[in-house]
PDB file of N, CA and C in Angstrom:
ATOM      1  N   MET A   1     -19.331 169.314  11.842  1.00  0.00           N
ATOM      2  CA  MET A   1     -20.088 168.179  11.356  1.00  0.00           C
ATOM      3  C   MET A   1     -19.775 166.958  12.214  1.00  0.00           C
ATOM      4  N   VAL A   2     -20.805 166.223  12.604  1.00  0.00           N
ATOM      5  CA  VAL A   2     -20.668 165.025  13.429  1.00  0.00           C
ATOM      6  C   VAL A   2     -20.469 163.834  12.511  1.00  0.00           C
ATOM      7  N   LYS A   3     -19.465 163.043  12.838  1.00  0.00           N
ATOM      8  CA  LYS A   3     -19.213 161.840  12.037  1.00  0.00           C
ATOM      9  C   LYS A   3     -20.276 160.799  12.334  1.00  0.00           C
ATOM     10  N   PRO A   4     -20.805 160.159  11.312  1.00  0.00           N
ATOM     11  CA  PRO A   4     -21.767 159.083  11.567  1.00  0.00           C
ATOM     12  C   PRO A   4     -21.041 157.864  12.146  1.00  0.00           C
ATOM     13  N   LYS A   5     -21.729 157.168  13.036  1.00  0.00           N
ATOM     14  CA  LYS A   5     -21.149 155.957  13.619  1.00  0.00           C
ATOM     15  C   LYS A   5     -21.208 154.847  12.589  1.00  0.00           C
ATOM     16  N   LEU A   6     -20.127 154.100  12.509  1.00  0.00           N
ATOM     17  CA  LEU A   6     -20.060 152.987  11.567  1.00  0.00           C
ATOM     18  C   LEU A   6     -20.410 151.680  12.270  1.00  0.00           C
ATOM     19  N   GLY A   7     -20.899 150.740  11.504  1.00  0.00           N
ATOM     20  CA  GLY A   7     -21.208 149.417  12.038  1.00  0.00           C
ATOM     21  C   GLY A   7     -22.573 149.371  12.676  1.00  0.00           C
ATOM     22  N   ARG A   8     -22.884 148.198  13.160  1.00  0.00           N
ATOM     23  CA  ARG A   8     -24.180 147.991  13.798  1.00  0.00           C
ATOM     24  C   ARG A   8     -24.185 148.607  15.191  1.00  0.00           C
ATOM     25  N   PRO A   9     -25.363 148.975  15.663  1.00  0.00           N
ATOM     26  CA  PRO A   9     -25.428 149.472  17.043  1.00  0.00           C
ATOM     27  C   PRO A   9     -25.111 148.342  18.023  1.00  0.00           C
ATOM     28  N   HIS A  10     -24.575 148.726  19.170  1.00  0.00           N
ATOM     29  CA  HIS A  10     -24.268 147.721  20.185  1.00  0.00           C
ATOM     30  C   HIS A  10     -25.546 147.084  20.695  1.00  0.00           C
ATOM     31  N   LYS A  11     -25.489 145.797  20.894  1.00  0.00           N
ATOM     32  CA  LYS A  11     -26.646 145.054  21.385  1.00  0.00           C
ATOM     33  C   LYS A  11     -26.477 144.836  22.883  1.00  0.00           C
ATOM     34  N   ARG A  12     -27.526 145.051  23.612  1.00  0.00           N
ATOM     35  CA  ARG A  12     -27.496 144.808  25.053  1.00  0.00           C
ATOM     36  C   ARG A  12     -27.608 143.306  25.304  1.00  0.00           C
ATOM     37  N   ILE A  13     -26.743 142.824  26.167  1.00  0.00           N
ATOM     38  CA  ILE A  13     -26.723 141.401  26.500  1.00  0.00           C
ATOM     39  C   ILE A  13     -27.251 141.242  27.911  1.00  0.00           C
ATOM     40  N   ASP A  14     -28.172 140.318  28.088  1.00  0.00           N
ATOM     41  CA  ASP A  14     -28.702 140.003  29.414  1.00  0.00           C
ATOM     42  C   ASP A  14     -27.607 139.237  30.167  1.00  0.00           C
ATOM     43  N   MET A  15     -26.856 139.948  30.999  1.00  0.00           N
ATOM     44  CA  MET A  15     -25.709 139.346  31.682  1.00  0.00           C
ATOM     45  C   MET A  15     -26.144 138.298  32.710  1.00  0.00           C
ATOM     46  N   ASP A  16     -27.293 138.496  33.331  1.00  0.00           N
ATOM     47  CA  ASP A  16     -27.774 137.477  34.273  1.00  0.00           C
ATOM     48  C   ASP A  16     -28.040 136.158  33.546  1.00  0.00           C
ATOM     49  N   GLN A  17     -28.629 136.243  32.368  1.00  0.00           N
ATOM     50  CA  GLN A  17     -28.903 135.041  31.570  1.00  0.00           C
ATOM     51  C   GLN A  17     -27.595 134.397  31.116  1.00  0.00           C
ATOM     52  N   LEU A  18     -26.656 135.216  30.663  1.00  0.00           N
ATOM     53  CA  LEU A  18     -25.360 134.700  30.220  1.00  0.00           C
ATOM     54  C   LEU A  18     -24.671 133.953  31.367  1.00  0.00           C
ATOM     55  N   LYS A  19     -24.667 134.551  32.546  1.00  0.00           N
ATOM     56  CA  LYS A  19     -24.011 133.924  33.699  1.00  0.00           C
ATOM     57  C   LYS A  19     -24.715 132.625  34.101  1.00  0.00           C
ATOM     58  N   TYR A  20     -26.046 132.647  34.078  1.00  0.00           N
ATOM     59  CA  TYR A  20     -26.797 131.444  34.437  1.00  0.00           C
ATOM     60  C   TYR A  20     -26.492 130.307  33.465  1.00  0.00           C
ATOM     61  N   LEU A  21     -26.516 130.600  32.172  1.00  0.00           N
ATOM     62  CA  LEU A  21     -26.254 129.560  31.169  1.00  0.00           C
ATOM     63  C   LEU A  21     -24.840 129.013  31.304  1.00  0.00           C
ATOM     64  N   ALA A  22     -23.885 129.880  31.620  1.00  0.00           N
ATOM     65  CA  ALA A  22     -22.503 129.424  31.821  1.00  0.00           C
ATOM     66  C   ALA A  22     -22.410 128.551  33.071  1.00  0.00           C
ATOM     67  N   LYS A  23     -23.103 128.970  34.132  1.00  0.00           N
ATOM     68  CA  LYS A  23     -23.043 128.228  35.400  1.00  0.00           C
ATOM     69  C   LYS A  23     -23.593 126.815  35.260  1.00  0.00           C
ATOM     70  N   ILE A  24     -24.612 126.641  34.399  1.00  0.00           N
ATOM     71  CA  ILE A  24     -25.172 125.300  34.230  1.00  0.00           C
ATOM     72  C   ILE A  24     -24.469 124.541  33.102  1.00  0.00           C
ATOM     73  N   GLN A  25     -23.284 125.022  32.722  1.00  0.00           N
ATOM     74  CA  GLN A  25     -22.368 124.332  31.805  1.00  0.00           C
ATOM     75  C   GLN A  25     -22.874 124.268  30.359  1.00  0.00           C
ATOM     76  N   CYS A  26     -23.620 125.279  29.918  1.00  0.00           N
ATOM     77  CA  CYS A  26     -24.053 125.316  28.520  1.00  0.00           C
ATOM     78  C   CYS A  26     -22.851 125.530  27.606  1.00  0.00           C
ATOM     79  N   THR A  27     -22.973 125.081  26.364  1.00  0.00           N
ATOM     80  CA  THR A  27     -21.922 125.301  25.374  1.00  0.00           C
ATOM     81  C   THR A  27     -21.926 126.767  24.958  1.00  0.00           C
ATOM     82  N   TYR A  28     -20.854 127.195  24.280  1.00  0.00           N
ATOM     83  CA  TYR A  28     -20.805 128.569  23.781  1.00  0.00           C
ATOM     84  C   TYR A  28     -21.975 128.845  22.835  1.00  0.00           C
ATOM     85  N   GLY A  29     -22.293 127.878  21.990  1.00  0.00           N
ATOM     86  CA  GLY A  29     -23.401 128.050  21.061  1.00  0.00           C
ATOM     87  C   GLY A  29     -24.723 128.227  21.782  1.00  0.00           C
ATOM     88  N   GLU A  30     -24.935 127.447  22.834  1.00  0.00           N
ATOM     89  CA  GLU A  30     -26.166 127.564  23.613  1.00  0.00           C
ATOM     90  C   GLU A  30     -26.244 128.900  24.336  1.00  0.00           C
ATOM     91  N   ILE A  31     -25.102 129.349  24.846  1.00  0.00           N
ATOM     92  CA  ILE A  31     -25.073 130.641  25.530  1.00  0.00           C
ATOM     93  C   ILE A  31     -25.366 131.767  24.540  1.00  0.00           C
ATOM     94  N   ALA A  32     -24.712 131.727  23.378  1.00  0.00           N
ATOM     95  CA  ALA A  32     -24.936 132.762  22.364  1.00  0.00           C
ATOM     96  C   ALA A  32     -26.410 132.813  21.968  1.00  0.00           C
ATOM     97  N   ALA A  33     -26.999 131.657  21.729  1.00  0.00           N
ATOM     98  CA  ALA A  33     -28.421 131.609  21.366  1.00  0.00           C
ATOM     99  C   ALA A  33     -29.285 132.122  22.508  1.00  0.00           C
ATOM    100  N   GLY A  34     -28.923 131.778  23.727  1.00  0.00           N
ATOM    101  CA  GLY A  34     -29.704 132.184  24.891  1.00  0.00           C
ATOM    102  C   GLY A  34     -29.720 133.680  25.130  1.00  0.00           C
ATOM    103  N   VAL A  35     -28.634 134.350  24.767  1.00  0.00           N
ATOM    104  CA  VAL A  35     -28.580 135.808  24.942  1.00  0.00           C
ATOM    105  C   VAL A  35     -28.787 136.544  23.621  1.00  0.00           C
ATOM    106  N   LYS A  36     -29.132 135.779  22.589  1.00  0.00           N
ATOM    107  CA  LYS A  36     -29.515 136.310  21.278  1.00  0.00           C
ATOM    108  C   LYS A  36     -28.408 137.120  20.586  1.00  0.00           C
ATOM    109  N   ILE A  37     -27.193 136.522  20.596  1.00  0.00           N
ATOM    110  CA  ILE A  37     -26.092 137.070  19.805  1.00  0.00           C
ATOM    111  C   ILE A  37     -25.502 135.934  18.994  1.00  0.00           C
ATOM    112  N   SER A  38     -24.700 136.281  18.006  1.00  0.00           N
ATOM    113  CA  SER A  38     -24.077 135.231  17.202  1.00  0.00           C
ATOM    114  C   SER A  38     -22.927 134.601  17.981  1.00  0.00           C
ATOM    115  N   LEU A  39     -22.627 133.382  17.625  1.00  0.00           N
ATOM    116  CA  LEU A  39     -21.497 132.700  18.241  1.00  0.00           C
ATOM    117  C   LEU A  39     -20.208 133.459  17.949  1.00  0.00           C
ATOM    118  N   ALA A  40     -20.076 133.986  16.734  1.00  0.00           N
ATOM    119  CA  ALA A  40     -18.870 134.742  16.367  1.00  0.00           C
ATOM    120  C   ALA A  40     -18.709 135.974  17.256  1.00  0.00           C
ATOM    121  N   THR A  41     -19.813 136.647  17.535  1.00  0.00           N
ATOM    122  CA  THR A  41     -19.756 137.828  18.404  1.00  0.00           C
ATOM    123  C   THR A  41     -19.320 137.429  19.804  1.00  0.00           C
ATOM    124  N   LEU A  42     -19.885 136.356  20.311  1.00  0.00           N
ATOM    125  CA  LEU A  42     -19.513 135.878  21.642  1.00  0.00           C
ATOM    126  C   LEU A  42     -18.036 135.515  21.694  1.00  0.00           C
ATOM    127  N   MET A  43     -17.585 134.758  20.724  1.00  0.00           N
ATOM    128  CA  MET A  43     -16.201 134.276  20.733  1.00  0.00           C
ATOM    129  C   MET A  43     -15.183 135.400  20.533  1.00  0.00           C
ATOM    130  N   ALA A  44     -15.617 136.524  19.981  1.00  0.00           N
ATOM    131  CA  ALA A  44     -14.712 137.652  19.744  1.00  0.00           C
ATOM    132  C   ALA A  44     -14.583 138.560  20.968  1.00  0.00           C
ATOM    133  N   ASP A  45     -15.411 138.345  21.979  1.00  0.00           N
ATOM    134  CA  ASP A  45     -15.419 139.230  23.142  1.00  0.00           C
ATOM    135  C   ASP A  45     -14.715 138.560  24.319  1.00  0.00           C
ATOM    136  N   LYS A  46     -13.465 138.950  24.548  1.00  0.00           N
ATOM    137  CA  LYS A  46     -12.657 138.337  25.609  1.00  0.00           C
ATOM    138  C   LYS A  46     -13.275 138.542  26.986  1.00  0.00           C
ATOM    139  N   ASP A  47     -13.878 139.687  27.204  1.00  0.00           N
ATOM    140  CA  ASP A  47     -14.497 139.938  28.515  1.00  0.00           C
ATOM    141  C   ASP A  47     -15.639 138.960  28.783  1.00  0.00           C
ATOM    142  N   LEU A  48     -16.467 138.717  27.770  1.00  0.00           N
ATOM    143  CA  LEU A  48     -17.563 137.759  27.941  1.00  0.00           C
ATOM    144  C   LEU A  48     -17.023 136.351  28.162  1.00  0.00           C
ATOM    145  N   LEU A  49     -15.975 135.985  27.435  1.00  0.00           N
ATOM    146  CA  LEU A  49     -15.380 134.657  27.601  1.00  0.00           C
ATOM    147  C   LEU A  49     -14.809 134.478  29.006  1.00  0.00           C
ATOM    148  N   ASP A  50     -14.224 135.548  29.560  1.00  0.00           N
ATOM    149  CA  ASP A  50     -13.703 135.478  30.932  1.00  0.00           C
ATOM    150  C   ASP A  50     -14.837 135.292  31.939  1.00  0.00           C
ATOM    151  N   ILE A  51     -15.946 136.005  31.722  1.00  0.00           N
ATOM    152  CA  ILE A  51     -17.105 135.863  32.606  1.00  0.00           C
ATOM    153  C   ILE A  51     -17.650 134.442  32.524  1.00  0.00           C
ATOM    154  N   ILE A  52     -17.753 133.912  31.321  1.00  0.00           N
ATOM    155  CA  ILE A  52     -18.257 132.551  31.134  1.00  0.00           C
ATOM    156  C   ILE A  52     -17.365 131.542  31.851  1.00  0.00           C
ATOM    157  N   ALA A  53     -16.051 131.685  31.701  1.00  0.00           N
ATOM    158  CA  ALA A  53     -15.117 130.755  32.355  1.00  0.00           C
ATOM    159  C   ALA A  53     -15.285 130.794  33.871  1.00  0.00           C
ATOM    160  N   ALA A  54     -15.404 131.991  34.441  1.00  0.00           N
ATOM    161  CA  ALA A  54     -15.553 132.128  35.890  1.00  0.00           C
ATOM    162  C   ALA A  54     -16.879 131.518  36.359  1.00  0.00           C
ATOM    163  N   GLU A  55     -17.948 131.757  35.617  1.00  0.00           N
ATOM    164  CA  GLU A  55     -19.252 131.219  36.003  1.00  0.00           C
ATOM    165  C   GLU A  55     -19.284 129.698  35.879  1.00  0.00           C
ATOM    166  N   ARG A  56     -18.622 129.156  34.872  1.00  0.00           N
ATOM    167  CA  ARG A  56     -18.566 127.689  34.737  1.00  0.00           C
ATOM    168  C   ARG A  56     -17.860 127.071  35.931  1.00  0.00           C
ATOM    169  N   GLU A  57     -16.753 127.681  36.350  1.00  0.00           N
ATOM    170  CA  GLU A  57     -16.025 127.178  37.520  1.00  0.00           C
ATOM    171  C   GLU A  57     -16.900 127.240  38.763  1.00  0.00           C
ATOM    172  N   GLY A  58     -17.631 128.337  38.916  1.00  0.00           N
ATOM    173  CA  GLY A  58     -18.542 128.457  40.055  1.00  0.00           C
ATOM    174  C   GLY A  58     -19.623 127.392  40.018  1.00  0.00           C
ATOM    175  N   GLY A  59     -20.115 127.075  38.832  1.00  0.00           N
ATOM    176  CA  GLY A  59     -21.127 126.033  38.693  1.00  0.00           C
ATOM    177  C   GLY A  59     -20.602 124.674  39.098  1.00  0.00           C
ATOM    178  N   VAL A  60     -19.379 124.376  38.693  1.00  0.00           N
ATOM    179  CA  VAL A  60     -18.764 123.091  39.063  1.00  0.00           C
ATOM    180  C   VAL A  60     -18.569 123.027  40.575  1.00  0.00           C
ATOM    181  N   ALA A  61     -18.143 124.133  41.168  1.00  0.00           N
ATOM    182  CA  ALA A  61     -17.958 124.165  42.621  1.00  0.00           C
ATOM    183  C   ALA A  61     -19.289 123.935  43.336  1.00  0.00           C
ATOM    184  N   SER A  62     -20.375 124.496  42.808  1.00  0.00           N
ATOM    185  CA  SER A  62     -21.697 124.298  43.404  1.00  0.00           C
ATOM    186  C   SER A  62     -22.112 122.829  43.347  1.00  0.00           C
ATOM    187  N   ILE A  63     -21.827 122.189  42.215  1.00  0.00           N
ATOM    188  CA  ILE A  63     -22.155 120.769  42.068  1.00  0.00           C
ATOM    189  C   ILE A  63     -21.369 119.942  43.080  1.00  0.00           C
ATOM    190  N   ARG A  64     -20.080 120.221  43.189  1.00  0.00           N
ATOM    191  CA  ARG A  64     -19.258 119.479  44.152  1.00  0.00           C
ATOM    192  C   ARG A  64     -19.783 119.677  45.578  1.00  0.00           C
ATOM    193  N   HIS A  65     -20.156 120.911  45.896  1.00  0.00           N
ATOM    194  CA  HIS A  65     -20.674 121.200  47.229  1.00  0.00           C
ATOM    195  C   HIS A  65     -21.934 120.375  47.501  1.00  0.00           C
ATOM    196  N   MET A  66     -22.843 120.342  46.546  1.00  0.00           N
ATOM    197  CA  MET A  66     -24.082 119.592  46.728  1.00  0.00           C
ATOM    198  C   MET A  66     -23.811 118.093  46.849  1.00  0.00           C
ATOM    199  N   GLN A  67     -22.854 117.588  46.058  1.00  0.00           N
ATOM    200  CA  GLN A  67     -22.501 116.175  46.155  1.00  0.00           C
ATOM    201  C   GLN A  67     -21.926 115.861  47.534  1.00  0.00           C
ATOM    202  N   TYR A  68     -21.092 116.737  48.024  1.00  0.00           N
ATOM    203  CA  TYR A  68     -20.481 116.548  49.326  1.00  0.00           C
ATOM    204  C   TYR A  68     -21.553 116.557  50.414  1.00  0.00           C
ATOM    205  N   GLN A  69     -22.504 117.478  50.304  1.00  0.00           N
ATOM    206  CA  GLN A  69     -23.590 117.537  51.281  1.00  0.00           C
ATOM    207  C   GLN A  69     -24.411 116.246  51.263  1.00  0.00           C
ATOM    208  N   CYS A  70     -24.681 115.713  50.062  1.00  0.00           N
ATOM    209  CA  CYS A  70     -25.404 114.434  49.957  1.00  0.00           C
ATOM    210  C   CYS A  70     -24.624 113.314  50.638  1.00  0.00           C
ATOM    211  N   ALA A  71     -23.328 113.291  50.417  1.00  0.00           N
ATOM    212  CA  ALA A  71     -22.497 112.245  51.028  1.00  0.00           C
ATOM    213  C   ALA A  71     -22.523 112.358  52.545  1.00  0.00           C
ATOM    214  N   LEU A  72     -22.433 113.584  53.064  1.00  0.00           N
ATOM    215  CA  LEU A  72     -22.450 113.775  54.509  1.00  0.00           C
ATOM    216  C   LEU A  72     -23.776 113.358  55.129  1.00  0.00           C
ATOM    217  N   LYS A  73     -24.851 113.400  54.355  1.00  0.00           N
ATOM    218  CA  LYS A  73     -26.159 112.978  54.842  1.00  0.00           C
ATOM    219  C   LYS A  73     -26.330 111.466  54.746  1.00  0.00           C
ATOM    220  N   GLY A  74     -25.295 110.760  54.249  1.00  0.00           N
ATOM    221  CA  GLY A  74     -25.333 109.313  54.240  1.00  0.00           C
ATOM    222  C   GLY A  74     -25.734 108.690  52.919  1.00  0.00           C
ATOM    223  N   ASN A  75     -25.786 109.434  51.840  1.00  0.00           N
ATOM    224  CA  ASN A  75     -26.135 108.879  50.529  1.00  0.00           C
ATOM    225  C   ASN A  75     -25.016 107.927  50.112  1.00  0.00           C
ATOM    226  N   ALA A  76     -25.300 106.637  50.106  1.00  0.00           N
ATOM    227  CA  ALA A  76     -24.278 105.617  49.852  1.00  0.00           C
ATOM    228  C   ALA A  76     -23.639 105.766  48.476  1.00  0.00           C
ATOM    229  N   ASP A  77     -24.447 106.036  47.455  1.00  0.00           N
ATOM    230  CA  ASP A  77     -23.888 106.194  46.109  1.00  0.00           C
ATOM    231  C   ASP A  77     -22.921 107.374  46.049  1.00  0.00           C
ATOM    232  N   MET A  78     -23.296 108.481  46.692  1.00  0.00           N
ATOM    233  CA  MET A  78     -22.424 109.651  46.679  1.00  0.00           C
ATOM    234  C   MET A  78     -21.169 109.407  47.495  1.00  0.00           C
ATOM    235  N   LEU A  79     -21.293 108.681  48.603  1.00  0.00           N
ATOM    236  CA  LEU A  79     -20.105 108.330  49.389  1.00  0.00           C
ATOM    237  C   LEU A  79     -19.125 107.509  48.556  1.00  0.00           C
ATOM    238  N   LYS A  80     -19.644 106.547  47.789  1.00  0.00           N
ATOM    239  CA  LYS A  80     -18.782 105.732  46.919  1.00  0.00           C
ATOM    240  C   LYS A  80     -18.126 106.603  45.858  1.00  0.00           C
ATOM    241  N   TRP A  81     -18.912 107.477  45.241  1.00  0.00           N
ATOM    242  CA  TRP A  81     -18.378 108.320  44.169  1.00  0.00           C
ATOM    243  C   TRP A  81     -17.285 109.247  44.693  1.00  0.00           C
ATOM    244  N   ILE A  82     -17.548 109.882  45.824  1.00  0.00           N
ATOM    245  CA  ILE A  82     -16.542 110.788  46.399  1.00  0.00           C
ATOM    246  C   ILE A  82     -15.304 110.001  46.818  1.00  0.00           C
ATOM    247  N   GLY A  83     -15.494 108.800  47.355  1.00  0.00           N
ATOM    248  CA  GLY A  83     -14.346 107.971  47.710  1.00  0.00           C
ATOM    249  C   GLY A  83     -13.481 107.656  46.501  1.00  0.00           C
ATOM    250  N   LYS A  84     -14.111 107.360  45.378  1.00  0.00           N
ATOM    251  CA  LYS A  84     -13.363 107.063  44.147  1.00  0.00           C
ATOM    252  C   LYS A  84     -12.662 108.303  43.614  1.00  0.00           C
ATOM    253  N   GLN A  85     -13.323 109.454  43.720  1.00  0.00           N
ATOM    254  CA  GLN A  85     -12.759 110.682  43.161  1.00  0.00           C
ATOM    255  C   GLN A  85     -11.615 111.248  43.996  1.00  0.00           C
ATOM    256  N   TYR A  86     -11.767 111.206  45.321  1.00  0.00           N
ATOM    257  CA  TYR A  86     -10.840 111.941  46.178  1.00  0.00           C
ATOM    258  C   TYR A  86     -10.039 111.085  47.148  1.00  0.00           C
ATOM    259  N   ALA A  87     -10.463 109.877  47.435  1.00  0.00           N
ATOM    260  CA  ALA A  87      -9.762 109.047  48.413  1.00  0.00           C
ATOM    261  C   ALA A  87      -9.016 107.886  47.755  1.00  0.00           C
ATOM    262  N   LYS A  88      -8.849 107.950  46.449  1.00  0.00           N
ATOM    263  CA  LYS A  88      -8.108 106.924  45.692  1.00  0.00           C
ATOM    264  C   LYS A  88      -8.709 105.540  45.857  1.00  0.00           C
ATOM    265  N   GLN A  89     -10.016 105.481  46.044  1.00  0.00           N
ATOM    266  CA  GLN A  89     -10.688 104.193  46.156  1.00  0.00           C
ATOM    267  C   GLN A  89     -11.145 103.762  44.771  1.00  0.00           C
ATOM    268  N   ALA A  90     -11.300 102.453  44.598  1.00  0.00           N
ATOM    269  CA  ALA A  90     -11.727 101.930  43.302  1.00  0.00           C
ATOM    270  C   ALA A  90     -12.488 100.629  43.507  1.00  0.00           C
ATOM    271  N   ASP A  91     -13.328 100.310  42.535  1.00  0.00           N
ATOM    272  CA  ASP A  91     -13.986  99.010  42.550  1.00  0.00           C
ATOM    273  C   ASP A  91     -12.942  97.969  42.179  1.00  0.00           C
ATOM    274  N   LYS A  92     -12.887  96.913  42.959  1.00  0.00           N
ATOM    275  CA  LYS A  92     -11.988  95.809  42.650  1.00  0.00           C
ATOM    276  C   LYS A  92     -12.875  94.602  42.389  1.00  0.00           C
ATOM    277  N   ILE A  93     -12.828  94.094  41.197  1.00  0.00           N
ATOM    278  CA  ILE A  93     -13.675  92.969  40.822  1.00  0.00           C
ATOM    279  C   ILE A  93     -12.869  91.683  40.933  1.00  0.00           C
ATOM    280  N   GLU A  94     -13.380  90.786  41.749  1.00  0.00           N
ATOM    281  CA  GLU A  94     -12.727  89.487  41.919  1.00  0.00           C
ATOM    282  C   GLU A  94     -13.643  88.421  41.334  1.00  0.00           C
ATOM    283  N   ASN A  95     -13.117  87.611  40.468  1.00  0.00           N
ATOM    284  CA  ASN A  95     -13.900  86.553  39.851  1.00  0.00           C
ATOM    285  C   ASN A  95     -13.545  85.239  40.536  1.00  0.00           C
ATOM    286  N   LYS A  96     -14.510  84.688  41.261  1.00  0.00           N
ATOM    287  CA  LYS A  96     -14.308  83.412  41.941  1.00  0.00           C
ATOM    288  C   LYS A  96     -14.583  82.281  40.956  1.00  0.00           C
ATOM    289  N   ASN A  97     -14.063  81.124  41.234  1.00  0.00           N
ATOM    290  CA  ASN A  97     -14.255  79.982  40.349  1.00  0.00           C
ATOM    291  C   ASN A  97     -15.687  79.464  40.316  1.00  0.00           C
ATOM    292  N   ASP A  98     -16.506  79.881  41.273  1.00  0.00           N
ATOM    293  CA  ASP A  98     -17.879  79.389  41.300  1.00  0.00           C
ATOM    294  C   ASP A  98     -18.834  80.324  40.556  1.00  0.00           C
ATOM    295  N   ASP A  99     -18.323  81.092  39.601  1.00  0.00           N
ATOM    296  CA  ASP A  99     -19.092  81.979  38.736  1.00  0.00           C
ATOM    297  C   ASP A  99     -19.758  83.145  39.472  1.00  0.00           C
ATOM    298  N   ARG A 100     -19.320  83.440  40.682  1.00  0.00           N
ATOM    299  CA  ARG A 100     -19.832  84.625  41.379  1.00  0.00           C
ATOM    300  C   ARG A 100     -18.849  85.774  41.167  1.00  0.00           C
ATOM    301  N   VAL A 101     -19.374  86.984  41.123  1.00  0.00           N
ATOM    302  CA  VAL A 101     -18.545  88.182  41.018  1.00  0.00           C
ATOM    303  C   VAL A 101     -18.721  88.960  42.314  1.00  0.00           C
ATOM    304  N   VAL A 102     -17.607  89.311  42.949  1.00  0.00           N
ATOM    305  CA  VAL A 102     -17.637  90.067  44.199  1.00  0.00           C
ATOM    306  C   VAL A 102     -17.003  91.426  43.922  1.00  0.00           C
ATOM    307  N   ILE A 103     -17.686  92.482  44.299  1.00  0.00           N
ATOM    308  CA  ILE A 103     -17.158  93.841  44.131  1.00  0.00           C
ATOM    309  C   ILE A 103     -16.731  94.351  45.513  1.00  0.00           C
ATOM    310  N   VAL A 104     -15.470  94.754  45.614  1.00  0.00           N
ATOM    311  CA  VAL A 104     -14.925  95.230  46.863  1.00  0.00           C
ATOM    312  C   VAL A 104     -14.415  96.653  46.644  1.00  0.00           C
ATOM    313  N   ILE A 105     -14.777  97.574  47.534  1.00  0.00           N
ATOM    314  CA  ILE A 105     -14.233  98.930  47.467  1.00  0.00           C
ATOM    315  C   ILE A 105     -12.883  98.877  48.155  1.00  0.00           C
ATOM    316  N   ALA A 106     -11.826  99.259  47.433  1.00  0.00           N
ATOM    317  CA  ALA A 106     -10.479  99.195  47.966  1.00  0.00           C
ATOM    318  C   ALA A 106      -9.838 100.569  47.878  1.00  0.00           C
ATOM    319  N   SER A 107      -8.854 100.812  48.713  1.00  0.00           N
ATOM    320  CA  SER A 107      -8.154 102.086  48.717  1.00  0.00           C
ATOM    321  C   SER A 107      -6.660 101.827  48.619  1.00  0.00           C
ATOM    322  N   ASP A 108      -5.990 102.661  47.797  1.00  0.00           N
ATOM    323  CA  ASP A 108      -4.541 102.574  47.710  1.00  0.00           C
ATOM    324  C   ASP A 108      -3.879 103.361  48.847  1.00  0.00           C
ATOM    325  N   ASP A 109      -4.656 104.229  49.473  1.00  0.00           N
ATOM    326  CA  ASP A 109      -4.136 105.097  50.523  1.00  0.00           C
ATOM    327  C   ASP A 109      -4.085 104.329  51.836  1.00  0.00           C
ATOM    328  N   LYS A 110      -2.952 104.280  52.469  1.00  0.00           N
ATOM    329  CA  LYS A 110      -2.775 103.514  53.711  1.00  0.00           C
ATOM    330  C   LYS A 110      -3.463 104.178  54.896  1.00  0.00           C
ATOM    331  N   ASP A 111      -3.771 105.511  54.788  1.00  0.00           N
ATOM    332  CA  ASP A 111      -4.388 106.250  55.896  1.00  0.00           C
ATOM    333  C   ASP A 111      -5.887 106.034  55.974  1.00  0.00           C
ATOM    334  N   VAL A 112      -6.500 105.451  54.953  1.00  0.00           N
ATOM    335  CA  VAL A 112      -7.962 105.320  54.928  1.00  0.00           C
ATOM    336  C   VAL A 112      -8.377 104.069  55.634  1.00  0.00           C
TER     337      VAL A 112
END
């Protein structure tokens, strides 16, 4: 006699969709809804959580790469942002007595 299987049948998960949603930094709830499983099911599956973590990191790396490419092409806003993030630069606001505000980009790093 064959034993009947207990519980619900396994649901197929669209792994490409799961990876895409993780890469674009969706929340766990959004990912679960996107692949049509419950949040509890998603959170109980360590393998899926590991895949999500890896894809999120890859997504962040892609964003950084694109920002860096924009800066290299001369995008002034991106150059300022990258300088603040990685070159220890900051906006320094000086208030002159004549009611003007001057913003100076300054660096704490002596090599810059």
